[in-house]
């Protein structure tokens, strides 16, 4: 569960989404770098998470105000 102080909204997240937020809180990463880190740290593969799926998830997190795009 994540509370967004800017919007005063609470979001219930699955384990993968929480892992993404934790990784991105350490440093900004490109989509491909984030995907590689998820594959390594969480033993995920392309059958579990594709680049397109991650991109869609990152867009959703951005729309919710939980992340923001930066140049990497």
Protein backbone atom coordinates (compact mmCIF):
# COMPACT_ATOMS: atom_id res chain seq x y z
CA UNK A 1 0.00 0.00 0.00
CA UNK A 2 1.32 3.45 -0.96
CA UNK A 3 -0.02 6.82 0.10
CA UNK A 4 0.55 9.71 -2.31
CA UNK A 5 0.85 12.85 -0.20
CA UNK A 6 0.38 15.14 -3.21
CA UNK A 7 -3.01 13.70 -4.15
CA UNK A 8 -4.02 12.28 -0.74
CA UNK A 9 -4.76 8.96 -2.48
CA UNK A 10 -3.89 5.50 -1.24
CA UNK A 11 -2.95 2.82 -3.76
CA UNK A 12 -2.89 -0.93 -3.20
CA UNK A 13 0.06 -2.33 -5.17
CA UNK A 14 1.12 -5.84 -6.10
CA UNK A 15 4.64 -7.07 -5.28
CA UNK A 16 6.05 -6.31 -8.73
CA UNK A 17 4.79 -2.73 -8.73
CA UNK A 18 6.16 -2.16 -5.24
CA UNK A 19 9.53 -3.56 -6.35
CA UNK A 20 9.55 -1.13 -9.28
CA UNK A 21 8.85 1.82 -6.99
CA UNK A 22 11.58 0.73 -4.57
CA UNK A 23 14.14 0.37 -7.37
CA UNK A 24 13.23 3.74 -8.88
CA UNK A 25 13.38 5.43 -5.46
CA UNK A 26 17.10 4.60 -5.40
CA UNK A 27 17.89 6.14 -8.78
CA UNK A 28 16.18 6.90 -12.09
CA UNK A 29 16.55 4.19 -14.73
CA UNK A 30 15.53 3.81 -18.33
CA UNK A 31 12.83 1.26 -19.07
CA UNK A 32 15.38 -1.22 -20.45
CA UNK A 33 17.71 -0.79 -17.47
CA UNK A 34 14.81 -1.24 -15.06
CA UNK A 35 13.69 -4.36 -16.90
CA UNK A 36 17.21 -5.83 -16.72
CA UNK A 37 17.39 -5.13 -13.00
CA UNK A 38 14.01 -6.75 -12.42
CA UNK A 39 15.10 -9.82 -14.39
CA UNK A 40 18.25 -10.13 -12.26
CA UNK A 41 16.96 -9.27 -8.80
CA UNK A 42 13.56 -10.97 -8.97
CA UNK A 43 14.30 -13.91 -11.31
CA UNK A 44 11.78 -12.64 -13.83
CA UNK A 45 11.96 -13.43 -17.52
CA UNK A 46 10.34 -12.27 -20.75
CA UNK A 47 7.43 -14.64 -20.18
CA UNK A 48 6.69 -12.92 -16.88
CA UNK A 49 7.27 -9.30 -17.86
CA UNK A 50 7.85 -7.83 -21.31
CA UNK A 51 9.20 -4.41 -22.24
CA UNK A 52 5.74 -3.40 -23.47
CA UNK A 53 4.09 -4.50 -20.21
CA UNK A 54 6.66 -2.60 -18.14
CA UNK A 55 6.22 0.49 -20.29
CA UNK A 56 2.44 0.32 -19.79
CA UNK A 57 2.88 -0.10 -16.03
CA UNK A 58 5.28 2.85 -15.85
CA UNK A 59 2.76 5.00 -17.75
CA UNK A 60 0.06 4.04 -15.24
CA UNK A 61 2.34 4.90 -12.30
CA UNK A 62 3.13 8.23 -13.95
CA UNK A 63 -0.58 8.99 -14.47
CA UNK A 64 -1.21 8.21 -10.78
CA UNK A 65 1.55 10.61 -9.80
CA UNK A 66 3.65 7.90 -8.16
CA UNK A 67 6.61 8.42 -10.53
CA UNK A 68 7.62 11.09 -12.99
CA UNK A 69 9.60 10.93 -16.20
CA UNK A 70 13.18 12.15 -16.17
CA UNK A 71 15.97 12.05 -18.71
CA UNK A 72 18.42 9.27 -17.94
